[in-house]
Amino acid sequence: MTSLNEDEIKLAVSATLIVITAILTGAGVFDKIAKHAGAGTAVPITGFANSVVSPAVEFKLEGFILGTAAKMFNLAGPVIVYGCSSASLYGLFYWITTKI
């Protein structure tokens, strides 16, 4: 058995939360938990996983391409696009200001 360092443990916990949330959302259990837990489900990583999986499950009857694949990123797509864009701009700004 290999031991994990602190950074690897952080990644493993995040990945585990994402997978568990996706499975529970797909099984229809996550929404029931959210009704009782309230703010406990508002952790950004689980909320984001739920927002990706929920539309995919909802539109699966329309088929894989036009249903699941097309609707999966309706809510999460703008978050991904603007999050990556702003992170890139911030990184570029930081790089320029530290090189001068």
PDB file of N, CA and C in Angstrom:
ATOM      1  N   MET A   1       0.846  -1.180   0.000  1.00  0.00           N
ATOM      2  CA  MET A   1       0.000   0.000   0.000  1.00  0.00           C
ATOM      3  C   MET A   1       0.889   1.240   0.000  1.00  0.00           C
ATOM      4  N   THR A   2       0.602   2.138  -0.906  1.00  0.00           N
ATOM      5  CA  THR A   2       1.387   3.364  -0.973  1.00  0.00           C
ATOM      6  C   THR A   2       0.672   4.464  -0.211  1.00  0.00           C
ATOM      7  N   SER A   3       1.460   5.326   0.358  1.00  0.00           N
ATOM      8  CA  SER A   3       0.864   6.450   1.075  1.00  0.00           C
ATOM      9  C   SER A   3       0.783   7.654   0.146  1.00  0.00           C
ATOM     10  N   LEU A   4      -0.216   8.449   0.351  1.00  0.00           N
ATOM     11  CA  LEU A   4      -0.420   9.643  -0.456  1.00  0.00           C
ATOM     12  C   LEU A   4       0.073  10.860   0.297  1.00  0.00           C
ATOM     13  N   ASN A   5       0.639  11.810  -0.458  1.00  0.00           N
ATOM     14  CA  ASN A   5       1.030  13.053   0.197  1.00  0.00           C
ATOM     15  C   ASN A   5      -0.192  13.970   0.287  1.00  0.00           C
ATOM     16  N   GLU A   6      -0.016  15.115   0.901  1.00  0.00           N
ATOM     17  CA  GLU A   6      -1.145  16.016   1.172  1.00  0.00           C
ATOM     18  C   GLU A   6      -1.848  16.481  -0.102  1.00  0.00           C
ATOM     19  N   ASP A   7      -1.098  16.822  -1.138  1.00  0.00           N
ATOM     20  CA  ASP A   7      -1.712  17.280  -2.391  1.00  0.00           C
ATOM     21  C   ASP A   7      -2.510  16.163  -3.060  1.00  0.00           C
ATOM     22  N   GLU A   8      -2.003  14.951  -3.020  1.00  0.00           N
ATOM     23  CA  GLU A   8      -2.713  13.823  -3.622  1.00  0.00           C
ATOM     24  C   GLU A   8      -3.996  13.504  -2.853  1.00  0.00           C
ATOM     25  N   ILE A   9      -3.967  13.668  -1.552  1.00  0.00           N
ATOM     26  CA  ILE A   9      -5.171  13.451  -0.746  1.00  0.00           C
ATOM     27  C   ILE A   9      -6.236  14.486  -1.082  1.00  0.00           C
ATOM     28  N   LYS A  10      -5.824  15.738  -1.257  1.00  0.00           N
ATOM     29  CA  LYS A  10      -6.779  16.796  -1.626  1.00  0.00           C
ATOM     30  C   LYS A  10      -7.456  16.476  -2.953  1.00  0.00           C
ATOM     31  N   LEU A  11      -6.673  16.031  -3.933  1.00  0.00           N
ATOM     32  CA  LEU A  11      -7.231  15.673  -5.237  1.00  0.00           C
ATOM     33  C   LEU A  11      -8.154  14.469  -5.129  1.00  0.00           C
ATOM     34  N   ALA A  12      -7.767  13.490  -4.328  1.00  0.00           N
ATOM     35  CA  ALA A  12      -8.591  12.289  -4.174  1.00  0.00           C
ATOM     36  C   ALA A  12      -9.925  12.613  -3.515  1.00  0.00           C
ATOM     37  N   VAL A  13      -9.917  13.480  -2.524  1.00  0.00           N
ATOM     38  CA  VAL A  13     -11.168  13.862  -1.855  1.00  0.00           C
ATOM     39  C   VAL A  13     -12.080  14.596  -2.832  1.00  0.00           C
ATOM     40  N   SER A  14     -11.532  15.524  -3.605  1.00  0.00           N
ATOM     41  CA  SER A  14     -12.340  16.263  -4.584  1.00  0.00           C
ATOM     42  C   SER A  14     -12.927  15.329  -5.630  1.00  0.00           C
ATOM     43  N   ALA A  15     -12.106  14.441  -6.163  1.00  0.00           N
ATOM     44  CA  ALA A  15     -12.586  13.501  -7.175  1.00  0.00           C
ATOM     45  C   ALA A  15     -13.655  12.580  -6.602  1.00  0.00           C
ATOM     46  N   THR A  16     -13.479  12.157  -5.363  1.00  0.00           N
ATOM     47  CA  THR A  16     -14.463  11.290  -4.711  1.00  0.00           C
ATOM     48  C   THR A  16     -15.789  12.015  -4.535  1.00  0.00           C
ATOM     49  N   LEU A  17     -15.753  13.269  -4.107  1.00  0.00           N
ATOM     50  CA  LEU A  17     -16.986  14.053  -3.958  1.00  0.00           C
ATOM     51  C   LEU A  17     -17.715  14.198  -5.291  1.00  0.00           C
ATOM     52  N   ILE A  18     -16.972  14.441  -6.358  1.00  0.00           N
ATOM     53  CA  ILE A  18     -17.576  14.591  -7.683  1.00  0.00           C
ATOM     54  C   ILE A  18     -18.242  13.294  -8.120  1.00  0.00           C
ATOM     55  N   VAL A  19     -17.537  12.179  -7.979  1.00  0.00           N
ATOM     56  CA  VAL A  19     -18.077  10.889  -8.413  1.00  0.00           C
ATOM     57  C   VAL A  19     -19.307  10.504  -7.587  1.00  0.00           C
ATOM     58  N   ILE A  20     -19.225  10.667  -6.282  1.00  0.00           N
ATOM     59  CA  ILE A  20     -20.376  10.328  -5.431  1.00  0.00           C
ATOM     60  C   ILE A  20     -21.582  11.195  -5.774  1.00  0.00           C
ATOM     61  N   THR A  21     -21.366  12.483  -5.978  1.00  0.00           N
ATOM     62  CA  THR A  21     -22.473  13.377  -6.337  1.00  0.00           C
ATOM     63  C   THR A  21     -23.089  12.989  -7.669  1.00  0.00           C
ATOM     64  N   ALA A  22     -22.249  12.668  -8.656  1.00  0.00           N
ATOM     65  CA  ALA A  22     -22.765  12.270  -9.968  1.00  0.00           C
ATOM     66  C   ALA A  22     -23.585  10.988  -9.870  1.00  0.00           C
ATOM     67  N   ILE A  23     -23.095  10.032  -9.104  1.00  0.00           N
ATOM     68  CA  ILE A  23     -23.830   8.776  -8.949  1.00  0.00           C
ATOM     69  C   ILE A  23     -25.157   9.002  -8.224  1.00  0.00           C
ATOM     70  N   LEU A  24     -25.124   9.774  -7.137  1.00  0.00           N
ATOM     71  CA  LEU A  24     -26.352  10.045  -6.389  1.00  0.00           C
ATOM     72  C   LEU A  24     -27.353  10.855  -7.208  1.00  0.00           C
ATOM     73  N   THR A  25     -26.868  11.787  -8.031  1.00  0.00           N
ATOM     74  CA  THR A  25     -27.767  12.555  -8.896  1.00  0.00           C
ATOM     75  C   THR A  25     -28.392  11.652  -9.943  1.00  0.00           C
ATOM     76  N   GLY A  26     -27.583  10.807 -10.553  1.00  0.00           N
ATOM     77  CA  GLY A  26     -28.094   9.876 -11.561  1.00  0.00           C
ATOM     78  C   GLY A  26     -29.116   8.912 -10.995  1.00  0.00           C
ATOM     79  N   ALA A  27     -28.941   8.528  -9.737  1.00  0.00           N
ATOM     80  CA  ALA A  27     -29.877   7.611  -9.087  1.00  0.00           C
ATOM     81  C   ALA A  27     -31.103   8.334  -8.535  1.00  0.00           C
ATOM     82  N   GLY A  28     -31.105   9.661  -8.578  1.00  0.00           N
ATOM     83  CA  GLY A  28     -32.233  10.444  -8.083  1.00  0.00           C
ATOM     84  C   GLY A  28     -32.237  10.636  -6.577  1.00  0.00           C
ATOM     85  N   VAL A  29     -31.129  10.386  -5.931  1.00  0.00           N
ATOM     86  CA  VAL A  29     -31.046  10.476  -4.477  1.00  0.00           C
ATOM     87  C   VAL A  29     -30.532  11.844  -4.022  1.00  0.00           C
ATOM     88  N   PHE A  30     -29.699  12.477  -4.819  1.00  0.00           N
ATOM     89  CA  PHE A  30     -29.062  13.718  -4.394  1.00  0.00           C
ATOM     90  C   PHE A  30     -30.082  14.812  -4.086  1.00  0.00           C
ATOM     91  N   ASP A  31     -31.127  14.918  -4.890  1.00  0.00           N
ATOM     92  CA  ASP A  31     -32.150  15.942  -4.647  1.00  0.00           C
ATOM     93  C   ASP A  31     -32.877  15.711  -3.322  1.00  0.00           C
ATOM     94  N   LYS A  32     -33.091  14.446  -2.969  1.00  0.00           N
ATOM     95  CA  LYS A  32     -33.730  14.138  -1.685  1.00  0.00           C
ATOM     96  C   LYS A  32     -32.817  14.524  -0.527  1.00  0.00           C
ATOM     97  N   ILE A  33     -31.529  14.280  -0.686  1.00  0.00           N
ATOM     98  CA  ILE A  33     -30.557  14.671   0.338  1.00  0.00           C
ATOM     99  C   ILE A  33     -30.521  16.193   0.446  1.00  0.00           C
ATOM    100  N   ALA A  34     -30.571  16.872  -0.693  1.00  0.00           N
ATOM    101  CA  ALA A  34     -30.516  18.341  -0.702  1.00  0.00           C
ATOM    102  C   ALA A  34     -31.705  18.958   0.022  1.00  0.00           C
ATOM    103  N   LYS A  35     -32.858  18.319  -0.046  1.00  0.00           N
ATOM    104  CA  LYS A  35     -34.039  18.837   0.658  1.00  0.00           C
ATOM    105  C   LYS A  35     -33.828  18.839   2.167  1.00  0.00           C
ATOM    106  N   HIS A  36     -33.152  17.825   2.668  1.00  0.00           N
ATOM    107  CA  HIS A  36     -32.933  17.710   4.113  1.00  0.00           C
ATOM    108  C   HIS A  36     -31.658  18.407   4.567  1.00  0.00           C
ATOM    109  N   ALA A  37     -30.611  18.363   3.753  1.00  0.00           N
ATOM    110  CA  ALA A  37     -29.320  18.933   4.149  1.00  0.00           C
ATOM    111  C   ALA A  37     -29.251  20.434   3.903  1.00  0.00           C
ATOM    112  N   GLY A  38     -30.000  20.920   2.929  1.00  0.00           N
ATOM    113  CA  GLY A  38     -30.005  22.357   2.638  1.00  0.00           C
ATOM    114  C   GLY A  38     -28.646  22.872   2.233  1.00  0.00           C
ATOM    115  N   ALA A  39     -28.087  23.744   3.053  1.00  0.00           N
ATOM    116  CA  ALA A  39     -26.804  24.374   2.722  1.00  0.00           C
ATOM    117  C   ALA A  39     -25.658  23.377   2.707  1.00  0.00           C
ATOM    118  N   GLY A  40     -25.848  22.213   3.287  1.00  0.00           N
ATOM    119  CA  GLY A  40     -24.797  21.207   3.270  1.00  0.00           C
ATOM    120  C   GLY A  40     -24.487  20.706   1.875  1.00  0.00           C
ATOM    121  N   THR A  41     -25.423  20.889   0.949  1.00  0.00           N
ATOM    122  CA  THR A  41     -25.184  20.471  -0.436  1.00  0.00           C
ATOM    123  C   THR A  41     -24.710  21.629  -1.301  1.00  0.00           C
ATOM    124  N   ALA A  42     -24.531  22.780  -0.695  1.00  0.00           N
ATOM    125  CA  ALA A  42     -24.128  23.961  -1.459  1.00  0.00           C
ATOM    126  C   ALA A  42     -22.619  24.064  -1.627  1.00  0.00           C
ATOM    127  N   VAL A  43     -21.902  23.022  -1.271  1.00  0.00           N
ATOM    128  CA  VAL A  43     -20.461  23.007  -1.490  1.00  0.00           C
ATOM    129  C   VAL A  43     -20.245  23.135  -2.997  1.00  0.00           C
ATOM    130  N   PRO A  44     -19.437  24.071  -3.450  1.00  0.00           N
ATOM    131  CA  PRO A  44     -19.335  24.326  -4.889  1.00  0.00           C
ATOM    132  C   PRO A  44     -19.028  23.101  -5.749  1.00  0.00           C
ATOM    133  N   ILE A  45     -18.172  22.225  -5.284  1.00  0.00           N
ATOM    134  CA  ILE A  45     -17.787  21.096  -6.130  1.00  0.00           C
ATOM    135  C   ILE A  45     -18.932  20.103  -6.310  1.00  0.00           C
ATOM    136  N   THR A  46     -19.723  19.879  -5.267  1.00  0.00           N
ATOM    137  CA  THR A  46     -20.859  18.969  -5.410  1.00  0.00           C
ATOM    138  C   THR A  46     -22.003  19.632  -6.164  1.00  0.00           C
ATOM    139  N   GLY A  47     -22.187  20.917  -5.952  1.00  0.00           N
ATOM    140  CA  GLY A  47     -23.219  21.639  -6.692  1.00  0.00           C
ATOM    141  C   GLY A  47     -22.937  21.676  -8.178  1.00  0.00           C
ATOM    142  N   PHE A  48     -21.661  21.844  -8.520  1.00  0.00           N
ATOM    143  CA  PHE A  48     -21.278  21.863  -9.927  1.00  0.00           C
ATOM    144  C   PHE A  48     -21.469  20.489 -10.561  1.00  0.00           C
ATOM    145  N   ALA A  49     -21.083  19.438  -9.860  1.00  0.00           N
ATOM    146  CA  ALA A  49     -21.284  18.082 -10.383  1.00  0.00           C
ATOM    147  C   ALA A  49     -22.773  17.805 -10.579  1.00  0.00           C
ATOM    148  N   ASN A  50     -23.584  18.241  -9.638  1.00  0.00           N
ATOM    149  CA  ASN A  50     -25.031  18.065  -9.752  1.00  0.00           C
ATOM    150  C   ASN A  50     -25.580  18.847 -10.942  1.00  0.00           C
ATOM    151  N   SER A  51     -25.071  20.062 -11.168  1.00  0.00           N
ATOM    152  CA  SER A  51     -25.574  20.882 -12.282  1.00  0.00           C
ATOM    153  C   SER A  51     -25.179  20.327 -13.641  1.00  0.00           C
ATOM    154  N   VAL A  52     -24.140  19.513 -13.706  1.00  0.00           N
ATOM    155  CA  VAL A  52     -23.760  18.877 -14.970  1.00  0.00           C
ATOM    156  C   VAL A  52     -24.589  17.622 -15.203  1.00  0.00           C
ATOM    157  N   VAL A  53     -24.781  16.832 -14.169  1.00  0.00           N
ATOM    158  CA  VAL A  53     -25.456  15.546 -14.324  1.00  0.00           C
ATOM    159  C   VAL A  53     -26.979  15.687 -14.437  1.00  0.00           C
ATOM    160  N   SER A  54     -27.572  16.630 -13.720  1.00  0.00           N
ATOM    161  CA  SER A  54     -29.040  16.767 -13.716  1.00  0.00           C
ATOM    162  C   SER A  54     -29.642  16.951 -15.106  1.00  0.00           C
ATOM    163  N   PRO A  55     -29.159  17.895 -15.920  1.00  0.00           N
ATOM    164  CA  PRO A  55     -29.739  18.023 -17.265  1.00  0.00           C
ATOM    165  C   PRO A  55     -29.485  16.798 -18.131  1.00  0.00           C
ATOM    166  N   ALA A  56     -28.348  16.144 -17.935  1.00  0.00           N
ATOM    167  CA  ALA A  56     -28.054  14.948 -18.714  1.00  0.00           C
ATOM    168  C   ALA A  56     -29.075  13.856 -18.417  1.00  0.00           C
ATOM    169  N   VAL A  57     -29.434  13.696 -17.163  1.00  0.00           N
ATOM    170  CA  VAL A  57     -30.426  12.697 -16.776  1.00  0.00           C
ATOM    171  C   VAL A  57     -31.806  13.109 -17.260  1.00  0.00           C
ATOM    172  N   GLU A  58     -32.118  14.393 -17.143  1.00  0.00           N
ATOM    173  CA  GLU A  58     -33.448  14.885 -17.520  1.00  0.00           C
ATOM    174  C   GLU A  58     -33.733  14.709 -19.008  1.00  0.00           C
ATOM    175  N   PHE A  59     -32.729  14.901 -19.850  1.00  0.00           N
ATOM    176  CA  PHE A  59     -32.952  14.868 -21.295  1.00  0.00           C
ATOM    177  C   PHE A  59     -32.474  13.578 -21.950  1.00  0.00           C
ATOM    178  N   LYS A  60     -32.254  12.520 -21.170  1.00  0.00           N
ATOM    179  CA  LYS A  60     -31.756  11.271 -21.748  1.00  0.00           C
ATOM    180  C   LYS A  60     -32.766  10.613 -22.678  1.00  0.00           C
ATOM    181  N   LEU A  61     -34.050  10.897 -22.517  1.00  0.00           N
ATOM    182  CA  LEU A  61     -35.059  10.315 -23.393  1.00  0.00           C
ATOM    183  C   LEU A  61     -34.989  10.869 -24.817  1.00  0.00           C
ATOM    184  N   GLU A  62     -34.349  12.016 -24.990  1.00  0.00           N
ATOM    185  CA  GLU A  62     -34.213  12.616 -26.321  1.00  0.00           C
ATOM    186  C   GLU A  62     -33.049  12.014 -27.093  1.00  0.00           C
ATOM    187  N   GLY A  63     -32.343  11.080 -26.496  1.00  0.00           N
ATOM    188  CA  GLY A  63     -31.233  10.421 -27.161  1.00  0.00           C
ATOM    189  C   GLY A  63     -29.908  10.895 -26.605  1.00  0.00           C
ATOM    190  N   PHE A  64     -28.857  10.174 -26.999  1.00  0.00           N
ATOM    191  CA  PHE A  64     -27.540  10.484 -26.454  1.00  0.00           C
ATOM    192  C   PHE A  64     -26.987  11.800 -26.996  1.00  0.00           C
ATOM    193  N   ILE A  65     -27.088  12.025 -28.300  1.00  0.00           N
ATOM    194  CA  ILE A  65     -26.488  13.226 -28.907  1.00  0.00           C
ATOM    195  C   ILE A  65     -27.337  14.462 -28.634  1.00  0.00           C
ATOM    196  N   LEU A  66     -28.606  14.438 -28.985  1.00  0.00           N
ATOM    197  CA  LEU A  66     -29.467  15.617 -28.851  1.00  0.00           C
ATOM    198  C   LEU A  66     -30.008  15.794 -27.441  1.00  0.00           C
ATOM    199  N   GLY A  67     -29.970  14.776 -26.637  1.00  0.00           N
ATOM    200  CA  GLY A  67     -30.466  14.869 -25.274  1.00  0.00           C
ATOM    201  C   GLY A  67     -29.345  15.034 -24.278  1.00  0.00           C
ATOM    202  N   THR A  68     -28.745  13.920 -23.908  1.00  0.00           N
ATOM    203  CA  THR A  68     -27.734  13.908 -22.850  1.00  0.00           C
ATOM    204  C   THR A  68     -26.539  14.792 -23.178  1.00  0.00           C
ATOM    205  N   ALA A  69     -25.921  14.580 -24.323  1.00  0.00           N
ATOM    206  CA  ALA A  69     -24.693  15.316 -24.658  1.00  0.00           C
ATOM    207  C   ALA A  69     -24.950  16.806 -24.887  1.00  0.00           C
ATOM    208  N   ALA A  70     -26.072  17.140 -25.513  1.00  0.00           N
ATOM    209  CA  ALA A  70     -26.353  18.537 -25.820  1.00  0.00           C
ATOM    210  C   ALA A  70     -26.785  19.335 -24.597  1.00  0.00           C
ATOM    211  N   LYS A  71     -27.501  18.724 -23.686  1.00  0.00           N
ATOM    212  CA  LYS A  71     -28.048  19.450 -22.542  1.00  0.00           C
ATOM    213  C   LYS A  71     -27.159  19.407 -21.305  1.00  0.00           C
ATOM    214  N   MET A  72     -26.123  18.568 -21.326  1.00  0.00           N
ATOM    215  CA  MET A  72     -25.295  18.369 -20.144  1.00  0.00           C
ATOM    216  C   MET A  72     -24.648  19.655 -19.650  1.00  0.00           C
ATOM    217  N   PHE A  73     -24.239  20.509 -20.548  1.00  0.00           N
ATOM    218  CA  PHE A  73     -23.515  21.714 -20.149  1.00  0.00           C
ATOM    219  C   PHE A  73     -24.348  22.989 -20.291  1.00  0.00           C
ATOM    220  N   ASN A  74     -25.682  22.879 -20.306  1.00  0.00           N
ATOM    221  CA  ASN A  74     -26.534  24.070 -20.381  1.00  0.00           C
ATOM    222  C   ASN A  74     -26.247  25.036 -19.241  1.00  0.00           C
ATOM    223  N   LEU A  75     -26.229  24.547 -18.040  1.00  0.00           N
ATOM    224  CA  LEU A  75     -25.976  25.405 -16.886  1.00  0.00           C
ATOM    225  C   LEU A  75     -24.489  25.517 -16.597  1.00  0.00           C
ATOM    226  N   ALA A  76     -23.778  24.417 -16.720  1.00  0.00           N
ATOM    227  CA  ALA A  76     -22.364  24.402 -16.353  1.00  0.00           C
ATOM    228  C   ALA A  76     -21.474  25.010 -17.437  1.00  0.00           C
ATOM    229  N   GLY A  77     -21.921  25.021 -18.674  1.00  0.00           N
ATOM    230  CA  GLY A  77     -21.104  25.528 -19.777  1.00  0.00           C
ATOM    231  C   GLY A  77     -20.620  26.949 -19.584  1.00  0.00           C
ATOM    232  N   PRO A  78     -21.518  27.894 -19.285  1.00  0.00           N
ATOM    233  CA  PRO A  78     -21.062  29.262 -19.059  1.00  0.00           C
ATOM    234  C   PRO A  78     -20.091  29.384 -17.880  1.00  0.00           C
ATOM    235  N   VAL A  79     -20.302  28.573 -16.856  1.00  0.00           N
ATOM    236  CA  VAL A  79     -19.389  28.602 -15.713  1.00  0.00           C
ATOM    237  C   VAL A  79     -18.000  28.167 -16.140  1.00  0.00           C
ATOM    238  N   ILE A  80     -17.941  27.106 -16.933  1.00  0.00           N
ATOM    239  CA  ILE A  80     -16.648  26.612 -17.415  1.00  0.00           C
ATOM    240  C   ILE A  80     -15.982  27.655 -18.305  1.00  0.00           C
ATOM    241  N   VAL A  81     -16.740  28.190 -19.265  1.00  0.00           N
ATOM    242  CA  VAL A  81     -16.170  29.150 -20.219  1.00  0.00           C
ATOM    243  C   VAL A  81     -15.668  30.413 -19.523  1.00  0.00           C
ATOM    244  N   TYR A  82     -16.516  31.032 -18.710  1.00  0.00           N
ATOM    245  CA  TYR A  82     -16.115  32.284 -18.069  1.00  0.00           C
ATOM    246  C   TYR A  82     -15.085  32.048 -16.970  1.00  0.00           C
ATOM    247  N   GLY A  83     -15.160  30.918 -16.302  1.00  0.00           N
ATOM    248  CA  GLY A  83     -14.159  30.594 -15.289  1.00  0.00           C
ATOM    249  C   GLY A  83     -12.784  30.408 -15.898  1.00  0.00           C
ATOM    250  N   CYS A  84     -12.702  29.649 -16.977  1.00  0.00           N
ATOM    251  CA  CYS A  84     -11.413  29.428 -17.657  1.00  0.00           C
ATOM    252  C   CYS A  84     -10.900  30.715 -18.292  1.00  0.00           C
ATOM    253  N   SER A  85     -11.803  31.491 -18.889  1.00  0.00           N
ATOM    254  CA  SER A  85     -11.390  32.755 -19.515  1.00  0.00           C
ATOM    255  C   SER A  85     -10.845  33.741 -18.483  1.00  0.00           C
ATOM    256  N   SER A  86     -11.557  33.910 -17.379  1.00  0.00           N
ATOM    257  CA  SER A  86     -11.084  34.854 -16.366  1.00  0.00           C
ATOM    258  C   SER A  86      -9.806  34.362 -15.708  1.00  0.00           C
ATOM    259  N   ALA A  87      -9.660  33.057 -15.507  1.00  0.00           N
ATOM    260  CA  ALA A  87      -8.420  32.524 -14.944  1.00  0.00           C
ATOM    261  C   ALA A  87      -7.253  32.751 -15.894  1.00  0.00           C
ATOM    262  N   SER A  88      -7.492  32.594 -17.189  1.00  0.00           N
ATOM    263  CA  SER A  88      -6.433  32.825 -18.177  1.00  0.00           C
ATOM    264  C   SER A  88      -6.023  34.286 -18.224  1.00  0.00           C
ATOM    265  N   LEU A  89      -7.016  35.182 -18.214  1.00  0.00           N
ATOM    266  CA  LEU A  89      -6.709  36.612 -18.220  1.00  0.00           C
ATOM    267  C   LEU A  89      -5.963  37.025 -16.955  1.00  0.00           C
ATOM    268  N   TYR A  90      -6.388  36.512 -15.820  1.00  0.00           N
ATOM    269  CA  TYR A  90      -5.696  36.815 -14.575  1.00  0.00           C
ATOM    270  C   TYR A  90      -4.267  36.293 -14.602  1.00  0.00           C
ATOM    271  N   GLY A  91      -4.082  35.071 -15.109  1.00  0.00           N
ATOM    272  CA  GLY A  91      -2.737  34.495 -15.221  1.00  0.00           C
ATOM    273  C   GLY A  91      -1.854  35.309 -16.140  1.00  0.00           C
ATOM    274  N   LEU A  92      -2.394  35.762 -17.261  1.00  0.00           N
ATOM    275  CA  LEU A  92      -1.639  36.595 -18.194  1.00  0.00           C
ATOM    276  C   LEU A  92      -1.263  37.926 -17.546  1.00  0.00           C
ATOM    277  N   PHE A  93      -2.227  38.549 -16.882  1.00  0.00           N
ATOM    278  CA  PHE A  93      -1.966  39.812 -16.180  1.00  0.00           C
ATOM    279  C   PHE A  93      -0.894  39.628 -15.113  1.00  0.00           C
ATOM    280  N   TYR A  94      -0.999  38.562 -14.352  1.00  0.00           N
ATOM    281  CA  TYR A  94      -0.015  38.283 -13.303  1.00  0.00           C
ATOM    282  C   TYR A  94       1.370  38.064 -13.905  1.00  0.00           C
ATOM    283  N   TRP A  95       1.449  37.296 -14.997  1.00  0.00           N
ATOM    284  CA  TRP A  95       2.709  37.019 -15.647  1.00  0.00           C
ATOM    285  C   TRP A  95       3.351  38.306 -16.179  1.00  0.00           C
ATOM    286  N   ILE A  96       2.531  39.174 -16.807  1.00  0.00           N
ATOM    287  CA  ILE A  96       3.048  40.437 -17.332  1.00  0.00           C
ATOM    288  C   ILE A  96       3.548  41.341 -16.214  1.00  0.00           C
ATOM    289  N   THR A  97       2.784  41.445 -15.138  1.00  0.00           N
ATOM    290  CA  THR A  97       3.188  42.350 -14.051  1.00  0.00           C
ATOM    291  C   THR A  97       4.371  41.833 -13.256  1.00  0.00           C
ATOM    292  N   THR A  98       4.593  40.546 -13.198  1.00  0.00           N
ATOM    293  CA  THR A  98       5.746  40.028 -12.460  1.00  0.00           C
ATOM    294  C   THR A  98       7.004  40.042 -13.305  1.00  0.00           C
ATOM    295  N   LYS A  99       6.891  40.102 -14.621  1.00  0.00           N
ATOM    296  CA  LYS A  99       8.059  40.127 -15.504  1.00  0.00           C
ATOM    297  C   LYS A  99       8.624  41.537 -15.655  1.00  0.00           C
ATOM    298  N   ILE A 100       7.842  42.550 -15.326  1.00  0.00           N
ATOM    299  CA  ILE A 100       8.278  43.932 -15.496  1.00  0.00           C
ATOM    300  C   ILE A 100       9.021  44.413 -14.290  1.00  0.00           C
TER     301      ILE A 100
END
